[in-house]
C-alpha atoms as a PDB file:
ATOM      1  CA  MET A   1     119.841  59.100  48.999  1.00  0.00           C
ATOM      2  CA  SER A   2     119.622  55.388  49.469  1.00  0.00           C
ATOM      3  CA  ALA A   3     121.759  54.819  45.904  1.00  0.00           C
ATOM      4  CA  VAL A   4     124.430  57.317  47.310  1.00  0.00           C
ATOM      5  CA  ILE A   5     124.986  55.480  50.698  1.00  0.00           C
ATOM      6  CA  HIS A   6     125.127  52.197  48.928  1.00  0.00           C
ATOM      7  CA  ARG A   7     127.959  53.373  46.437  1.00  0.00           C
ATOM      8  CA  SER A   8     129.499  54.741  49.660  1.00  0.00           C
ATOM      9  CA  ARG A   9     129.003  51.286  51.486  1.00  0.00           C
ATOM     10  CA  THR A  10     131.026  49.693  48.629  1.00  0.00           C
ATOM     11  CA  ARG A  11     133.806  52.041  48.268  1.00  0.00           C
ATOM     12  CA  LEU A  12     134.392  51.521  51.939  1.00  0.00           C
ATOM     13  CA  VAL A  13     134.474  47.840  51.584  1.00  0.00           C
ATOM     14  CA  SER A  14     136.892  47.944  48.626  1.00  0.00           C
ATOM     15  CA  THR A  15     139.033  50.124  50.374  1.00  0.00           C
ATOM     16  CA  ALA A  16     139.389  48.084  53.471  1.00  0.00           C
ATOM     17  CA  ALA A  17     139.760  44.893  51.640  1.00  0.00           C
ATOM     18  CA  SER A  18     142.654  46.885  49.741  1.00  0.00           C
ATOM     19  CA  ALA A  19     144.067  47.712  53.176  1.00  0.00           C
ATOM     20  CA  ALA A  20     143.823  44.388  54.189  1.00  0.00           C
ATOM     21  CA  LEU A  21     146.053  42.838  51.275  1.00  0.00           C
ATOM     22  CA  ALA A  22     148.297  45.342  51.377  1.00  0.00           C
ATOM     23  CA  ALA A  23     149.325  44.156  55.098  1.00  0.00           C
ATOM     24  CA  LEU A  24     149.301  40.663  54.300  1.00  0.00           C
ATOM     25  CA  SER A  25     151.934  41.548  51.537  1.00  0.00           C
ATOM     26  CA  LEU A  26     153.975  43.700  54.220  1.00  0.00           C
ATOM     27  CA  THR A  27     153.434  40.759  56.549  1.00  0.00           C
ATOM     28  CA  ALA A  28     154.853  38.143  54.090  1.00  0.00           C
ATOM     29  CA  CYS A  29     158.032  40.562  53.098  1.00  0.00           C
ATOM     30  CA  ALA A  30     158.787  40.991  56.881  1.00  0.00           C
ATOM     31  CA  ASP A  31     158.645  37.224  57.432  1.00  0.00           C
ATOM     32  CA  GLY A  32     161.441  36.561  54.447  1.00  0.00           C
ATOM     33  CA  GLY A  33     160.265  37.796  51.049  1.00  0.00           C
ATOM     34  CA  GLY A  34     157.357  35.677  50.505  1.00  0.00           C
ATOM     35  CA  VAL A  35     159.565  32.198  50.739  1.00  0.00           C
ATOM     36  CA  GLN A  36     157.703  29.721  52.775  1.00  0.00           C
ATOM     37  CA  SER A  37     159.488  29.386  56.322  1.00  0.00           C
ATOM     38  CA  GLU A  38     157.557  25.653  56.561  1.00  0.00           C
ATOM     39  CA  GLY A  39     160.522  23.999  54.808  1.00  0.00           C
ATOM     40  CA  PRO A  40     162.761  23.801  52.315  1.00  0.00           C
ATOM     41  CA  ALA A  41     161.704  25.530  48.404  1.00  0.00           C
ATOM     42  CA  SER A  42     160.431  23.879  45.598  1.00  0.00           C
ATOM     43  CA  SER A  43     163.047  21.922  43.731  1.00  0.00           C
ATOM     44  CA  SER A  44     161.814  23.829  40.723  1.00  0.00           C
ATOM     45  CA  ALA A  45     162.152  26.854  42.377  1.00  0.00           C
ATOM     46  CA  ALA A  46     165.908  25.780  43.374  1.00  0.00           C
ATOM     47  CA  GLY A  47     166.546  24.858  39.706  1.00  0.00           C
ATOM     48  CA  GLU A  48     165.220  28.052  38.480  1.00  0.00           C
ATOM     49  CA  GLN A  49     167.638  30.187  40.637  1.00  0.00           C
ATOM     50  CA  GLY A  50     170.332  27.914  39.785  1.00  0.00           C
ATOM     51  CA  GLY A  51     171.456  26.570  42.918  1.00  0.00           C
ATOM     52  CA  GLY A  52     170.176  23.332  45.407  1.00  0.00           C
ATOM     53  CA  THR A  53     167.909  23.666  47.865  1.00  0.00           C
ATOM     54  CA  PRO A  54     169.743  25.462  50.935  1.00  0.00           C
ATOM     55  CA  GLN A  55     167.849  24.243  53.551  1.00  0.00           C
ATOM     56  CA  GLU A  56     169.226  20.693  52.709  1.00  0.00           C
ATOM     57  CA  PRO A  57     173.013  18.968  53.676  1.00  0.00           C
ATOM     58  CA  ALA A  58     175.246  19.567  50.614  1.00  0.00           C
ATOM     59  CA  GLY A  59     175.184  16.525  48.536  1.00  0.00           C
ATOM     60  CA  LYS A  60     171.876  15.137  49.777  1.00  0.00           C
ATOM     61  CA  GLY A  61     169.164  17.585  48.874  1.00  0.00           C
ATOM     62  CA  LYS A  62     166.215  15.878  47.516  1.00  0.00           C
ATOM     63  CA  SER A  63     166.835  17.811  44.251  1.00  0.00           C
ATOM     64  CA  GLY A  64     170.476  16.532  44.066  1.00  0.00           C
ATOM     65  CA  SER A  65     172.080  19.710  43.532  1.00  0.00           C
ATOM     66  CA  GLY A  66     173.846  19.643  46.576  1.00  0.00           C
ATOM     67  CA  ASN A  67     177.513  19.864  46.394  1.00  0.00           C
ATOM     68  CA  GLY A  68     179.503  16.386  46.356  1.00  0.00           C
ATOM     69  CA  ASN A  69     182.248  15.423  48.721  1.00  0.00           C
ATOM     70  CA  GLU A  70     185.017  12.796  48.948  1.00  0.00           C
ATOM     71  CA  ASP A  71     183.219  10.135  50.386  1.00  0.00           C
ATOM     72  CA  GLY A  72     181.176  10.230  47.246  1.00  0.00           C
ATOM     73  CA  ASN A  73     178.118  11.302  48.546  1.00  0.00           C
ATOM     74  CA  GLY A  74     176.045  14.263  46.834  1.00  0.00           C
ATOM     75  CA  VAL A  75     176.050  14.873  43.314  1.00  0.00           C
ATOM     76  CA  GLY A  76     178.989  13.786  41.566  1.00  0.00           C
ATOM     77  CA  ASP A  77     178.162  14.663  38.230  1.00  0.00           C
ATOM     78  CA  GLY A  78     175.786  16.898  38.809  1.00  0.00           C
ATOM     79  CA  ILE A  79     172.220  16.029  37.078  1.00  0.00           C
ATOM     80  CA  ASN A  80     173.049  12.586  36.496  1.00  0.00           C
ATOM     81  CA  ALA A  81     172.244  12.186  40.316  1.00  0.00           C
ATOM     82  CA  VAL A  82     168.558  12.433  39.624  1.00  0.00           C
ATOM     83  CA  PRO A  83     166.524  10.238  38.164  1.00  0.00           C
ATOM     84  CA  ALA A  84     165.519  10.829  34.653  1.00  0.00           C
ATOM     85  CA  GLY A  85     162.120  12.530  33.852  1.00  0.00           C
ATOM     86  CA  SER A  86     161.776  13.349  37.857  1.00  0.00           C
ATOM     87  CA  ALA A  87     159.964  16.354  38.304  1.00  0.00           C
ATOM     88  CA  ALA A  88     163.548  18.123  40.237  1.00  0.00           C
ATOM     89  CA  ASP A  89     165.381  16.461  36.317  1.00  0.00           C
ATOM     90  CA  LYS A  90     162.713  18.715  34.334  1.00  0.00           C
ATOM     91  CA  ASP A  91     162.798  21.579  36.352  1.00  0.00           C
ATOM     92  CA  GLY A  92     165.663  21.864  38.495  1.00  0.00           C
ATOM     93  CA  ALA A  93     168.298  20.075  35.938  1.00  0.00           C
ATOM     94  CA  LYS A  94     170.072  23.608  34.662  1.00  0.00           C
ATOM     95  CA  GLY A  95     170.654  24.157  38.664  1.00  0.00           C
ATOM     96  CA  ALA A  96     171.643  20.837  39.745  1.00  0.00           C
ATOM     97  CA  ALA A  97     174.541  20.669  36.574  1.00  0.00           C
ATOM     98  CA  ALA A  98     175.607  24.232  37.267  1.00  0.00           C
ATOM     99  CA  SER A  99     176.687  23.197  41.251  1.00  0.00           C
ATOM    100  CA  GLY A 100     177.678  19.706  40.206  1.00  0.00           C
ATOM    101  CA  SER A 101     179.623  20.577  38.115  1.00  0.00           C
ATOM    102  CA  ARG A 102     181.903  22.339  39.637  1.00  0.00           C
ATOM    103  CA  SER A 103     182.109  19.999  42.782  1.00  0.00           C
ATOM    104  CA  GLY A 104     182.206  16.555  43.555  1.00  0.00           C
ATOM    105  CA  LYS A 105     184.705  13.887  42.127  1.00  0.00           C
ATOM    106  CA  ALA A 106     183.930  14.015  38.397  1.00  0.00           C
ATOM    107  CA  GLY A 107     184.326  17.859  38.761  1.00  0.00           C
ATOM    108  CA  ARG A 108     187.878  17.228  40.337  1.00  0.00           C
ATOM    109  CA  LYS A 109     191.134  18.876  38.670  1.00  0.00           C
ATOM    110  CA  PRO A 110     193.327  16.221  37.254  1.00  0.00           C
ATOM    111  CA  VAL A 111     197.026  16.221  38.678  1.00  0.00           C
ATOM    112  CA  THR A 112     200.228  14.287  37.986  1.00  0.00           C
ATOM    113  CA  CYS A 113     200.816  10.770  38.912  1.00  0.00           C
ATOM    114  CA  SER A 114     203.272  10.544  41.640  1.00  0.00           C
ATOM    115  CA  ALA A 115     204.260   8.101  44.812  1.00  0.00           C
ATOM    116  CA  ALA A 116     202.057  10.392  46.636  1.00  0.00           C
ATOM    117  CA  ASN A 117     198.510   9.428  44.982  1.00  0.00           C
ATOM    118  CA  THR A 118     199.250   6.073  43.334  1.00  0.00           C
ATOM    119  CA  GLU A 119     200.170   2.326  44.590  1.00  0.00           C
ATOM    120  CA  VAL A 120     203.386   0.841  42.403  1.00  0.00           C
ATOM    121  CA  THR A 121     203.746  -2.709  41.720  1.00  0.00           C
ATOM    122  CA  VAL A 122     206.572  -5.145  40.189  1.00  0.00           C
ATOM    123  CA  SER A 123     205.244  -8.287  39.343  1.00  0.00           C
ATOM    124  CA  GLU A 124     207.103 -11.451  37.647  1.00  0.00           C
ATOM    125  CA  VAL A 125     205.724 -12.883  33.907  1.00  0.00           C
ATOM    126  CA  SER A 126     205.603 -15.995  32.684  1.00  0.00           C
ATOM    127  CA  ARG A 127     205.404 -14.476  29.025  1.00  0.00           C
ATOM    128  CA  PRO A 128     207.154 -13.142  27.240  1.00  0.00           C
ATOM    129  CA  ILE A 129     210.607 -13.922  29.301  1.00  0.00           C
ATOM    130  CA  ASN A 130     212.810 -11.841  30.634  1.00  0.00           C
ATOM    131  CA  HIS A 131     210.162  -9.409  31.405  1.00  0.00           C
ATOM    132  CA  LEU A 132     208.201  -7.758  34.474  1.00  0.00           C
ATOM    133  CA  LEU A 133     205.251  -5.404  34.642  1.00  0.00           C
ATOM    134  CA  LEU A 134     204.930  -2.282  36.553  1.00  0.00           C
ATOM    135  CA  THR A 135     201.660  -1.351  37.815  1.00  0.00           C
ATOM    136  CA  ALA A 136     200.261   2.086  39.035  1.00  0.00           C
ATOM    137  CA  THR A 137     197.466   2.227  40.286  1.00  0.00           C
ATOM    138  CA  ASN A 138     195.423   5.687  41.229  1.00  0.00           C
ATOM    139  CA  THR A 139     194.624   5.690  44.836  1.00  0.00           C
ATOM    140  CA  GLY A 140     193.705   9.633  45.080  1.00  0.00           C
ATOM    141  CA  THR A 141     190.357  11.300  44.986  1.00  0.00           C
ATOM    142  CA  ALA A 142     191.213  13.073  41.525  1.00  0.00           C
ATOM    143  CA  PRO A 143     192.140  11.853  38.154  1.00  0.00           C
ATOM    144  CA  CYS A 144     196.018  12.037  37.471  1.00  0.00           C
ATOM    145  CA  PHE A 145     197.977  12.331  34.139  1.00  0.00           C
ATOM    146  CA  ALA A 146     200.797   9.429  33.973  1.00  0.00           C
ATOM    147  CA  TYR A 147     202.952  11.003  31.824  1.00  0.00           C
ATOM    148  CA  SER A 148     205.711   9.841  29.771  1.00  0.00           C
ATOM    149  CA  ALA A 149     207.349   6.418  31.239  1.00  0.00           C
ATOM    150  CA  PRO A 150     208.320   5.474  34.511  1.00  0.00           C
ATOM    151  CA  LEU A 151     211.809   6.609  35.177  1.00  0.00           C
ATOM    152  CA  LEU A 152     213.265   3.418  36.754  1.00  0.00           C
ATOM    153  CA  ARG A 153     216.974   2.038  37.745  1.00  0.00           C
ATOM    154  CA  PHE A 154     217.643  -1.320  38.925  1.00  0.00           C
ATOM    155  CA  ASP A 155     219.841  -0.964  42.230  1.00  0.00           C
ATOM    156  CA  GLU A 156     223.232  -1.373  43.012  1.00  0.00           C
ATOM    157  CA  SER A 157     223.493  -3.740  39.569  1.00  0.00           C
ATOM    158  CA  ALA A 158     222.954   0.087  37.123  1.00  0.00           C
ATOM    159  CA  GLN A 159     224.558   3.324  37.911  1.00  0.00           C
ATOM    160  CA  SER A 160     222.183   4.964  34.953  1.00  0.00           C
ATOM    161  CA  ALA A 161     218.276   5.121  33.940  1.00  0.00           C
ATOM    162  CA  LEU A 162     216.803   2.414  32.191  1.00  0.00           C
ATOM    163  CA  ALA A 163     216.220   3.189  28.269  1.00  0.00           C
ATOM    164  CA  ILE A 164     212.661   3.690  27.119  1.00  0.00           C
ATOM    165  CA  VAL A 165     211.105   2.194  24.284  1.00  0.00           C
ATOM    166  CA  GLU A 166     210.495   4.873  21.691  1.00  0.00           C
ATOM    167  CA  ASP A 167     208.056   2.449  19.738  1.00  0.00           C
ATOM    168  CA  SER A 168     205.853   1.801  22.782  1.00  0.00           C
ATOM    169  CA  LYS A 169     204.625   5.756  22.735  1.00  0.00           C
ATOM    170  CA  PRO A 170     200.491   5.880  22.976  1.00  0.00           C
ATOM    171  CA  GLN A 171     198.632   8.480  21.082  1.00  0.00           C
ATOM    172  CA  ALA A 172     197.867  10.449  24.394  1.00  0.00           C
ATOM    173  CA  VAL A 173     198.452  10.616  28.113  1.00  0.00           C
ATOM    174  CA  VAL A 174     197.488   8.016  29.892  1.00  0.00           C
ATOM    175  CA  THR A 175     194.525   9.495  32.383  1.00  0.00           C
ATOM    176  CA  LEU A 176     193.840   7.498  35.441  1.00  0.00           C
ATOM    177  CA  ALA A 177     190.596   7.979  37.386  1.00  0.00           C
ATOM    178  CA  PRO A 178     190.504   7.272  41.094  1.00  0.00           C
ATOM    179  CA  GLY A 179     190.828   3.490  41.188  1.00  0.00           C
ATOM    180  CA  GLU A 180     192.174   2.604  37.636  1.00  0.00           C
ATOM    181  CA  SER A 181     195.864   1.410  36.753  1.00  0.00           C
ATOM    182  CA  ALA A 182     198.485   2.469  34.024  1.00  0.00           C
ATOM    183  CA  TYR A 183     200.821  -0.137  32.989  1.00  0.00           C
ATOM    184  CA  ALA A 184     204.792  -0.475  31.932  1.00  0.00           C
ATOM    185  CA  GLY A 185     206.346  -3.411  30.602  1.00  0.00           C
ATOM    186  CA  ILE A 186     209.912  -4.056  31.662  1.00  0.00           C
ATOM    187  CA  LEU A 187     212.458  -5.596  29.566  1.00  0.00           C
ATOM    188  CA  THR A 188     215.329  -6.887  32.112  1.00  0.00           C
ATOM    189  CA  TRP A 189     217.850  -8.340  29.861  1.00  0.00           C
ATOM    190  CA  VAL A 190     218.907  -9.322  25.827  1.00  0.00           C
ATOM    191  CA  PRO A 191     221.325 -11.860  24.412  1.00  0.00           C
ATOM    192  CA  ASP A 192     224.322  -9.703  23.695  1.00  0.00           C
ATOM    193  CA  GLY A 193     223.631  -7.016  26.614  1.00  0.00           C
ATOM    194  CA  GLY A 194     226.636  -6.995  28.247  1.00  0.00           C
ATOM    195  CA  GLU A 195     227.518  -8.230  31.479  1.00  0.00           C
ATOM    196  CA  ASP A 196     224.428 -10.145  33.317  1.00  0.00           C
ATOM    197  CA  LEU A 197     223.815  -9.193  37.312  1.00  0.00           C
ATOM    198  CA  ARG A 198     221.421 -10.150  39.773  1.00  0.00           C
ATOM    199  CA  SER A 199     219.083  -7.257  40.813  1.00  0.00           C
ATOM    200  CA  ARG A 200     216.791  -7.436  43.995  1.00  0.00           C
ATOM    201  CA  ARG A 201     215.427  -3.858  44.107  1.00  0.00           C
ATOM    202  CA  LEU A 202     213.808  -1.611  41.471  1.00  0.00           C
ATOM    203  CA  ASP A 203     213.611   2.202  42.003  1.00  0.00           C
ATOM    204  CA  VAL A 204     210.843   4.099  40.355  1.00  0.00           C
ATOM    205  CA  LEU A 205     210.015   7.801  39.700  1.00  0.00           C
ATOM    206  CA  PHE A 206     206.852   9.072  38.040  1.00  0.00           C
ATOM    207  CA  ALA A 207     207.896  11.801  34.773  1.00  0.00           C
ATOM    208  CA  ALA A 208     206.874  15.285  35.435  1.00  0.00           C
ATOM    209  CA  ARG A 209     204.673  16.737  32.723  1.00  0.00           C
ATOM    210  CA  ASN A 210     207.727  19.321  31.036  1.00  0.00           C
ATOM    211  CA  GLY A 211     210.347  16.953  31.553  1.00  0.00           C
ATOM    212  CA  GLY A 212     212.250  15.466  34.518  1.00  0.00           C
ATOM    213  CA  SER A 213     210.795  13.967  37.565  1.00  0.00           C
ATOM    214  CA  THR A 214     208.140  14.614  40.235  1.00  0.00           C
ATOM    215  CA  GLY A 215     207.589  13.035  43.741  1.00  0.00           C
ATOM    216  CA  SER A 216     209.297  10.882  45.967  1.00  0.00           C
ATOM    217  CA  MET A 217     211.138   7.561  44.581  1.00  0.00           C
ATOM    218  CA  VAL A 218     209.599   3.937  45.065  1.00  0.00           C
ATOM    219  CA  LYS A 219     211.879   1.618  45.823  1.00  0.00           C
ATOM    220  CA  LEU A 220     210.371  -2.020  45.223  1.00  0.00           C
ATOM    221  CA  PRO A 221     211.832  -5.303  46.110  1.00  0.00           C
ATOM    222  CA  LEU A 222     212.294  -7.740  42.811  1.00  0.00           C
ATOM    223  CA  PRO A 223     210.546 -10.812  42.925  1.00  0.00           C
ATOM    224  CA  GLY A 224     212.403 -14.291  44.238  1.00  0.00           C
ATOM    225  CA  GLU A 225     215.789 -13.803  44.735  1.00  0.00           C
ATOM    226  CA  GLY A 226     216.241 -11.134  41.944  1.00  0.00           C
ATOM    227  CA  VAL A 227     216.193 -10.878  38.626  1.00  0.00           C
ATOM    228  CA  THR A 228     218.681 -11.298  35.939  1.00  0.00           C
ATOM    229  CA  VAL A 229     219.502  -7.680  34.416  1.00  0.00           C
ATOM    230  CA  ASN A 230     221.940  -6.259  32.158  1.00  0.00           C
ATOM    231  CA  ASP A 231     222.523  -3.132  29.367  1.00  0.00           C
ATOM    232  CA  GLY A 232     219.809  -3.915  27.463  1.00  0.00           C
ATOM    233  CA  ALA A 233     217.183  -3.014  29.914  1.00  0.00           C
ATOM    234  CA  ALA A 234     214.276  -0.934  28.883  1.00  0.00           C
ATOM    235  CA  VAL A 235     210.857   0.213  29.947  1.00  0.00           C
ATOM    236  CA  THR A 236     207.463   1.045  27.737  1.00  0.00           C
ATOM    237  CA  TYR A 237     205.888   4.114  28.015  1.00  0.00           C
ATOM    238  CA  TRP A 238     202.734   3.972  30.218  1.00  0.00           C
ATOM    239  CA  GLN A 239     199.622   1.864  28.730  1.00  0.00           C
ATOM    240  CA  THR A 240     196.178   1.175  29.386  1.00  0.00           C
ATOM    241  CA  ASP A 241     196.695  -2.539  29.754  1.00  0.00           C
ATOM    242  CA  ALA A 242     198.573  -4.824  30.661  1.00  0.00           C
ATOM    243  CA  ALA A 243     198.931  -6.785  27.410  1.00  0.00           C
ATOM    244  CA  THR A 244     199.837  -3.811  25.292  1.00  0.00           C
ATOM    245  CA  ALA A 245     202.480  -3.225  28.011  1.00  0.00           C
ATOM    246  CA  LEU A 246     204.392  -6.458  27.381  1.00  0.00           C
ATOM    247  CA  THR A 247     204.094  -6.106  23.581  1.00  0.00           C
ATOM    248  CA  TRP A 248     208.015  -4.747  23.173  1.00  0.00           C
END
């Protein structure tokens, strides 16, 4: 009889334990599906789920997988935002790369360079003679393409756009990251180039991808009291460095 009573008590204890575990499971589900509510999920869990820690502000999560912004905060280049070899790097790399590649400066879609996203200047150079240097600097937050050559015209001294030096055409379109510059050399006159005139202003338009121009015109004052120009004036394609632009 004692053996039967002992086995019955064992079953009762086991049943009670099972009921307690079931009750805890239900309580955990009611509190958020088993996720701890005391703080953000770990970076390794965020990486496995393909995203950053949702409790942290965008771009400032400890795992480095938040979205970037125009001020440079957050993951501009995805996985590089976390130290190599760290737990976030090992466990959250996939999630960080997935979220970072879709946002931040590094993920911005390139646009066409124009007066709206560049600063354009013109300067006189000592060598070669009868040359000017045109510089366009990307002041935007996205990369931009400097297509073809700048479309130039001297003020009232000329009625038509400057010719383009075809030999200066680069192998690829010049692409400017924010802060980078493109350069074009301007030949102002040549011997036997017709009547010499004095010009005090340079009108600049950017070329569109499929021909023609894009954006508004930039009107630049020329150095000093102006420069001498004639019908031999020409401009190069955009180049990645000033020395190359002044070769022709």
